[in-house]
Amino acid sequence: MKLRISKRTYILAGLIVVCAAASSVLYVARQRSPTPATSSAATEPSSQTHVLDKQPQPATNRLAAPKILASLTPPFANGLITNEYAYWNQGMAMRKYSPDWQMTSGSLYAHDGVFWTGKPDTCDHDKTSPDATSTNCTDSSVFRLNTAKIFAGNISVSLKLRQLRNIHNAACDADDTCWYGTHIWLRYQNQFNLYYVSINRADGNVAIKRKVPCGTDNSGTYFVLGKYVRHNFQPGAWNMYTATIQTNQDGSVTIKLYDDSDSTATPIDVGTDRGGTNPRWSTSCKTPGHYASPAYQPITAAGAVGVRGDYAEFEFTNFKIAAL
């Protein structure tokens, strides 16, 4: 007698087989996939190995994949890029205009692929000033250069610097020349309200400072934010420096200086501005940007960055601004 199996029975048997196979696949998949954790490690990319016990993470290198905001390079041809004449005579057609830089004092040159102060002088002790092409004098003994663009937020400024003259002076305290050298400007609002990091100084130290409007130093007052740290340099040798600036949660501002030739992780000096009181403030002070009272606050607004030089001949290159 031939057994007849209905079509309905065939369909039911097929469904049982399919369900069994799916259960096997799901079991294997669940064995190969880690169970998601509730810790922050669960948000890491799937390519990383999941660790149940939280392990200390290495410190992130400040230079790891930086977002470059600007990288300023000199033109290929040697010659004057801009000077103080261009800044103070903006209506004159013969001025040397730069879309990248503004210069309130001195002259900036391109020289064999790097930026250069030119031969510093005082324009006959300030009896005159550079002409449109700085052929009569440079005035670069007082070198004041800032970016035309301003930068907001937490940033780093890095450059490669070479001091061309030996400005070391063991008697600089008596001569009041310890501040001769090169400096990096940060959050530059104007020449009276800014931060700067002092490097390659005549006394062989580095320092981090704040300048506020109203006072006896070019109509302002300087405050040391960190401390004077011994960090010497060799004339004719290249140094790689980076200065970082960040606004903290409490509104204070912290600045760090690195010598990248020594360490990109450990700063040479650290300074924090929490605001303060300017003893040289007065109601008669009319300095641009002056505060309404002796109290001043940290600079959290966007500002320019730049390079300042005092009675020093130097070259610099690889000038970069990056977001932190």
Protein backbone atom coordinates (compact mmCIF):
# COMPACT_ATOMS: atom_id res chain seq x y z
CA MET A 1 0.00 0.00 0.00
CA LYS A 2 1.57 3.32 -1.06
CA LEU A 3 1.75 6.00 1.62
CA ARG A 4 0.59 9.38 0.36
CA ILE A 5 1.95 12.54 2.07
CA SER A 6 -0.10 15.65 1.71
CA LYS A 7 1.28 18.93 0.37
CA ARG A 8 0.51 20.52 3.72
CA THR A 9 2.82 18.03 5.46
CA TYR A 10 5.71 18.89 3.10
CA ILE A 11 5.34 22.60 3.86
CA LEU A 12 5.29 21.98 7.62
CA ALA A 13 8.42 19.86 7.48
CA GLY A 14 10.25 22.50 5.47
CA LEU A 15 9.44 25.17 8.00
CA ILE A 16 10.85 23.01 10.80
CA VAL A 17 14.14 22.55 8.92
CA VAL A 18 14.46 26.30 8.21
CA CYS A 19 13.83 27.21 11.84
CA ALA A 20 16.42 24.71 13.05
CA ALA A 21 19.06 26.10 10.69
CA ALA A 22 18.34 29.66 11.75
CA SER A 23 18.72 28.71 15.41
CA SER A 24 22.13 27.17 14.69
CA VAL A 25 23.34 30.27 12.84
CA LEU A 26 22.12 32.55 15.64
CA TYR A 27 23.88 30.39 18.26
CA VAL A 28 27.18 30.54 16.36
CA ALA A 29 26.89 34.28 15.82
CA ARG A 30 26.19 34.88 19.49
CA GLN A 31 29.26 32.85 20.41
CA ARG A 32 31.51 35.00 18.13
CA SER A 33 30.18 38.43 19.09
CA PRO A 34 31.01 40.01 22.48
CA THR A 35 28.10 41.13 24.58
CA PRO A 36 27.86 44.96 24.52
CA ALA A 37 29.01 46.49 27.80
CA THR A 38 27.37 49.37 29.59
CA SER A 39 30.72 51.14 30.11
CA SER A 40 32.13 53.84 27.83
CA ALA A 41 34.26 51.17 26.14
CA ALA A 42 31.14 49.99 24.34
CA THR A 43 31.27 53.11 22.17
CA GLU A 44 34.75 52.35 20.86
CA PRO A 45 35.15 51.31 17.20
CA SER A 46 34.43 47.67 16.53
CA SER A 47 37.97 47.17 15.28
CA GLN A 48 39.31 47.57 18.81
CA THR A 49 39.41 44.69 21.28
CA HIS A 50 36.85 45.00 24.04
CA VAL A 51 38.34 44.78 27.54
CA LEU A 52 36.00 44.04 30.43
CA ASP A 53 38.26 45.54 33.10
CA LYS A 54 38.88 49.26 32.45
CA GLN A 55 42.56 49.91 31.90
CA PRO A 56 44.39 53.26 32.23
CA GLN A 57 44.58 54.98 28.85
CA PRO A 58 47.84 56.59 27.68
CA ALA A 59 47.91 60.38 27.54
CA THR A 60 46.95 61.77 24.16
CA ASN A 61 49.79 63.51 22.37
CA ARG A 62 48.85 67.19 21.87
CA LEU A 63 50.18 67.02 18.30
CA ALA A 64 48.29 63.86 17.30
CA ALA A 65 46.47 64.61 14.02
CA PRO A 66 46.10 68.37 14.64
CA LYS A 67 43.53 70.33 12.67
CA ILE A 68 45.61 72.98 10.93
CA LEU A 69 43.84 76.34 10.86
CA ALA A 70 46.59 78.22 9.02
CA SER A 71 50.09 77.54 7.73
CA LEU A 72 51.98 80.66 6.69
CA THR A 73 54.94 80.39 4.34
CA PRO A 74 57.11 83.09 2.74
CA PRO A 75 56.96 83.76 -1.00
CA PHE A 76 59.47 81.98 -3.20
CA ALA A 77 61.33 85.13 -4.22
CA ASN A 78 63.58 86.93 -1.74
CA GLY A 79 62.60 90.45 -0.75
CA LEU A 80 60.36 92.60 1.42
CA ILE A 81 56.98 91.05 2.31
CA THR A 82 55.54 93.91 4.35
CA ASN A 83 56.59 96.59 6.83
CA GLU A 84 55.26 99.20 9.18
CA TYR A 85 54.89 101.66 6.31
CA ALA A 86 52.26 99.38 4.77
CA TYR A 87 50.28 99.34 8.02
CA TRP A 88 50.38 103.05 8.74
CA ASN A 89 49.91 104.16 5.11
CA GLN A 90 47.08 101.94 3.93
CA GLY A 91 45.94 104.37 1.27
CA MET A 92 49.30 104.45 -0.53
CA ALA A 93 49.55 102.41 -3.71
CA MET A 94 53.28 101.72 -3.37
CA ARG A 95 52.99 100.01 0.03
CA LYS A 96 53.92 96.34 0.37
CA TYR A 97 50.60 94.78 1.33
CA SER A 98 50.41 91.24 2.75
CA PRO A 99 47.12 89.32 3.01
CA ASP A 100 48.59 87.25 5.86
CA TRP A 101 50.43 89.74 8.06
CA GLN A 102 50.05 93.13 9.71
CA MET A 103 53.12 94.95 11.00
CA THR A 104 53.02 97.92 13.35
CA SER A 105 56.82 98.17 13.65
CA GLY A 106 59.74 96.79 11.66
CA SER A 107 60.15 95.00 8.34
CA LEU A 108 59.47 91.39 7.29
CA TYR A 109 61.45 89.73 4.50
CA ALA A 110 61.49 86.46 2.61
CA HIS A 111 65.03 85.10 2.60
CA ASP A 112 66.03 81.74 1.11
CA GLY A 113 62.71 80.12 1.94
CA VAL A 114 62.24 81.51 5.48
CA PHE A 115 60.92 84.66 7.13
CA TRP A 116 63.59 87.15 8.22
CA THR A 117 63.71 90.37 10.25
CA GLY A 118 66.30 91.92 7.97
CA LYS A 119 69.22 93.68 9.61
CA PRO A 120 67.68 95.25 12.71
CA ASP A 121 68.09 98.98 13.26
CA THR A 122 66.22 101.79 15.02
CA CYS A 123 65.87 104.09 11.99
CA ASP A 124 68.40 106.52 13.45
CA HIS A 125 66.93 106.25 16.95
CA ASP A 126 63.37 106.75 15.68
CA LYS A 127 64.19 110.02 13.95
CA THR A 128 62.66 108.52 10.82
CA SER A 129 60.78 105.37 9.77
CA PRO A 130 61.03 102.85 6.93
CA ASP A 131 59.93 103.98 3.50
CA ALA A 132 57.63 101.88 1.31
CA THR A 133 60.42 99.40 0.49
CA SER A 134 62.50 99.67 3.71
CA THR A 135 65.52 100.76 1.70
CA ASN A 136 66.43 103.57 4.13
CA CYS A 137 66.06 101.47 7.32
CA THR A 138 64.18 98.45 8.70
CA ASP A 139 63.21 99.51 12.25
CA SER A 140 63.30 95.77 13.05
CA SER A 141 65.00 96.34 16.39
CA VAL A 142 61.38 96.74 17.47
CA PHE A 143 59.74 93.96 15.44
CA ARG A 144 55.95 93.70 15.83
CA LEU A 145 54.15 91.24 13.53
CA ASN A 146 50.64 89.80 13.88
CA THR A 147 48.39 87.75 11.64
CA ALA A 148 45.70 89.53 9.65
CA LYS A 149 43.31 86.74 10.61
CA ILE A 150 42.02 86.16 14.15
CA PHE A 151 41.60 82.73 15.73
CA ALA A 152 38.96 81.64 18.24
CA GLY A 153 39.00 78.88 20.83
CA ASN A 154 41.82 76.71 22.07
CA ILE A 155 44.76 76.67 19.66
CA SER A 156 48.46 76.00 19.30
CA VAL A 157 51.03 78.15 17.54
CA SER A 158 54.23 76.50 16.38
CA LEU A 159 57.29 77.77 14.56
CA LYS A 160 60.87 76.92 13.75
CA LEU A 161 63.17 79.71 14.97
CA ARG A 162 66.82 80.57 14.48
CA GLN A 163 68.52 83.40 16.37
CA LEU A 164 71.19 84.84 14.07
CA ARG A 165 73.00 87.07 16.57
CA ASN A 166 74.34 86.23 19.99
CA ILE A 167 72.22 88.37 22.31
CA HIS A 168 73.24 86.62 25.54
CA ASN A 169 74.10 89.13 28.24
CA ALA A 170 75.10 88.07 31.76
CA ALA A 171 74.70 91.67 32.91
CA CYS A 172 71.22 92.08 31.43
CA ASP A 173 69.60 92.79 34.80
CA ALA A 174 71.75 95.86 35.29
CA ASP A 175 71.32 96.85 31.65
CA ASP A 176 67.55 96.13 31.62
CA THR A 177 67.99 94.03 28.49
CA CYS A 178 66.97 90.57 29.72
CA TRP A 179 63.79 90.79 27.62
CA TYR A 180 65.73 91.21 24.37
CA GLY A 181 64.88 88.27 22.12
CA THR A 182 61.86 86.73 20.42
CA HIS A 183 58.29 86.26 21.61
CA ILE A 184 55.10 84.51 20.43
CA TRP A 185 51.86 86.48 20.64
CA LEU A 186 48.57 84.78 21.57
CA ARG A 187 45.01 86.17 21.60
CA TYR A 188 46.34 89.52 20.47
CA GLN A 189 43.58 92.13 20.84
CA ASN A 190 45.85 95.09 20.24
CA GLN A 191 49.37 96.08 21.23
CA PHE A 192 48.19 96.82 24.79
CA ASN A 193 46.05 93.75 25.52
CA LEU A 194 47.55 90.34 24.75
CA TYR A 195 49.42 87.23 25.92
CA TYR A 196 52.96 86.41 24.93
CA VAL A 197 55.49 83.65 25.40
CA SER A 198 59.05 84.91 25.65
CA ILE A 199 61.71 82.63 24.08
CA ASN A 200 65.39 82.91 23.06
CA ARG A 201 65.92 85.75 25.50
CA ALA A 202 69.15 87.54 26.41
CA ASP A 203 69.06 86.01 29.91
CA GLY A 204 68.60 82.43 28.61
CA ASN A 205 65.18 82.10 30.25
CA VAL A 206 61.65 81.62 28.94
CA ALA A 207 58.56 83.29 30.40
CA ILE A 208 54.79 83.51 29.89
CA LYS A 209 53.20 86.94 30.37
CA ARG A 210 50.00 88.95 30.07
CA LYS A 211 49.88 92.60 29.05
CA VAL A 212 46.92 94.75 30.09
CA PRO A 213 46.12 98.32 29.04
CA CYS A 214 47.20 101.26 31.22
CA GLY A 215 50.71 101.46 32.59
CA THR A 216 54.25 102.66 31.99
CA ASP A 217 55.42 99.96 29.53
CA ASN A 218 54.20 101.28 26.18
CA SER A 219 50.93 102.33 27.87
CA GLY A 220 50.49 98.90 29.46
CA THR A 221 51.44 96.68 32.40
CA TYR A 222 52.96 93.19 32.21
CA PHE A 223 52.19 90.32 34.56
CA VAL A 224 54.22 87.09 34.70
CA LEU A 225 51.77 84.15 34.59
CA GLY A 226 54.17 81.26 35.06
CA LYS A 227 57.74 81.62 36.20
CA TYR A 228 61.09 82.36 34.62
CA VAL A 229 62.50 79.00 33.51
CA ARG A 230 66.07 78.44 32.39
CA HIS A 231 66.05 77.20 28.80
CA ASN A 232 69.01 78.34 26.80
CA PHE A 233 69.56 78.42 23.04
CA GLN A 234 72.48 78.43 20.64
CA PRO A 235 72.79 81.28 18.12
CA GLY A 236 72.68 79.92 14.59
CA ALA A 237 70.83 76.73 15.61
CA TRP A 238 67.19 76.01 14.83
CA ASN A 239 64.68 75.60 17.68
CA MET A 240 61.17 74.17 17.36
CA TYR A 241 58.68 75.83 19.71
CA THR A 242 54.96 75.38 20.27
CA ALA A 243 52.74 77.52 22.49
CA THR A 244 49.22 76.39 23.37
CA ILE A 245 46.39 78.43 24.83
CA GLN A 246 43.11 77.17 26.23
CA THR A 247 40.15 78.53 28.16
CA ASN A 248 39.31 76.44 31.21
CA GLN A 249 35.86 75.65 32.59
CA ASP A 250 36.21 78.28 35.32
CA GLY A 251 36.97 80.99 32.75
CA SER A 252 40.70 81.12 33.43
CA VAL A 253 43.20 80.81 30.58
CA THR A 254 46.19 78.45 30.58
CA ILE A 255 49.22 78.81 28.32
CA LYS A 256 51.91 76.17 27.85
CA LEU A 257 55.27 76.37 26.10
CA TYR A 258 56.97 73.35 24.54
CA ASP A 259 60.39 72.89 23.00
CA ASP A 260 59.44 70.23 20.48
CA SER A 261 63.08 69.22 20.05
CA ASP A 262 63.03 68.08 23.69
CA SER A 263 59.47 66.87 24.23
CA THR A 264 56.08 67.29 22.59
CA ALA A 265 54.35 66.03 25.74
CA THR A 266 56.03 67.90 28.62
CA PRO A 267 55.93 71.71 28.60
CA ILE A 268 58.88 73.87 29.59
CA ASP A 269 56.64 76.38 31.34
CA VAL A 270 52.94 76.72 32.22
CA GLY A 271 51.05 79.87 33.18
CA THR A 272 47.42 80.53 34.06
CA ASP A 273 45.61 83.87 33.91
CA ARG A 274 42.71 84.15 36.38
CA GLY A 275 42.39 87.90 36.04
CA GLY A 276 43.58 90.39 38.61
CA THR A 277 44.08 94.04 39.46
CA ASN A 278 46.23 96.50 37.55
CA PRO A 279 47.94 98.82 40.08
CA ARG A 280 48.75 101.28 37.29
CA TRP A 281 45.16 101.76 36.18
CA SER A 282 43.64 105.20 36.64
CA THR A 283 40.52 107.03 35.58
CA SER A 284 42.67 109.19 33.33
CA CYS A 285 43.91 106.19 31.33
CA LYS A 286 42.75 106.41 27.71
CA THR A 287 44.75 103.49 26.32
CA PRO A 288 42.72 101.67 23.63
CA GLY A 289 40.99 98.65 25.11
CA HIS A 290 41.35 99.90 28.70
CA TYR A 291 39.14 98.36 31.37
CA ALA A 292 36.52 100.34 33.28
CA SER A 293 38.21 99.61 36.61
CA PRO A 294 41.56 98.31 37.90
CA ALA A 295 40.15 94.76 37.68
CA TYR A 296 40.86 92.88 34.46
CA GLN A 297 39.64 89.52 33.21
CA PRO A 298 41.37 86.74 31.22
CA ILE A 299 41.27 87.16 27.46
CA THR A 300 38.76 84.61 26.14
CA ALA A 301 37.85 86.42 22.92
CA ALA A 302 39.27 85.48 19.54
CA GLY A 303 42.50 87.24 18.67
CA ALA A 304 45.43 87.35 16.31
CA VAL A 305 48.72 85.56 16.90
CA GLY A 306 52.16 86.69 15.90
CA VAL A 307 55.85 87.20 16.47
CA ARG A 308 57.58 89.98 18.37
CA GLY A 309 61.30 90.72 18.36
CA ASP A 310 63.38 93.04 20.51
CA TYR A 311 66.89 93.99 19.34
CA ALA A 312 67.36 90.55 17.81
CA GLU A 313 68.00 89.36 14.28
CA PHE A 314 66.27 86.05 13.57
CA GLU A 315 64.65 83.82 10.98
CA PHE A 316 61.54 81.71 11.37
CA THR A 317 59.53 79.25 9.31
CA ASN A 318 56.93 76.47 9.63
CA PHE A 319 54.55 78.96 11.24
CA LYS A 320 51.35 77.03 11.93
CA ILE A 321 48.16 77.55 13.89
CA ALA A 322 46.19 74.44 14.86
CA ALA A 323 43.06 73.69 16.87
CA LEU A 324 43.56 71.83 20.13
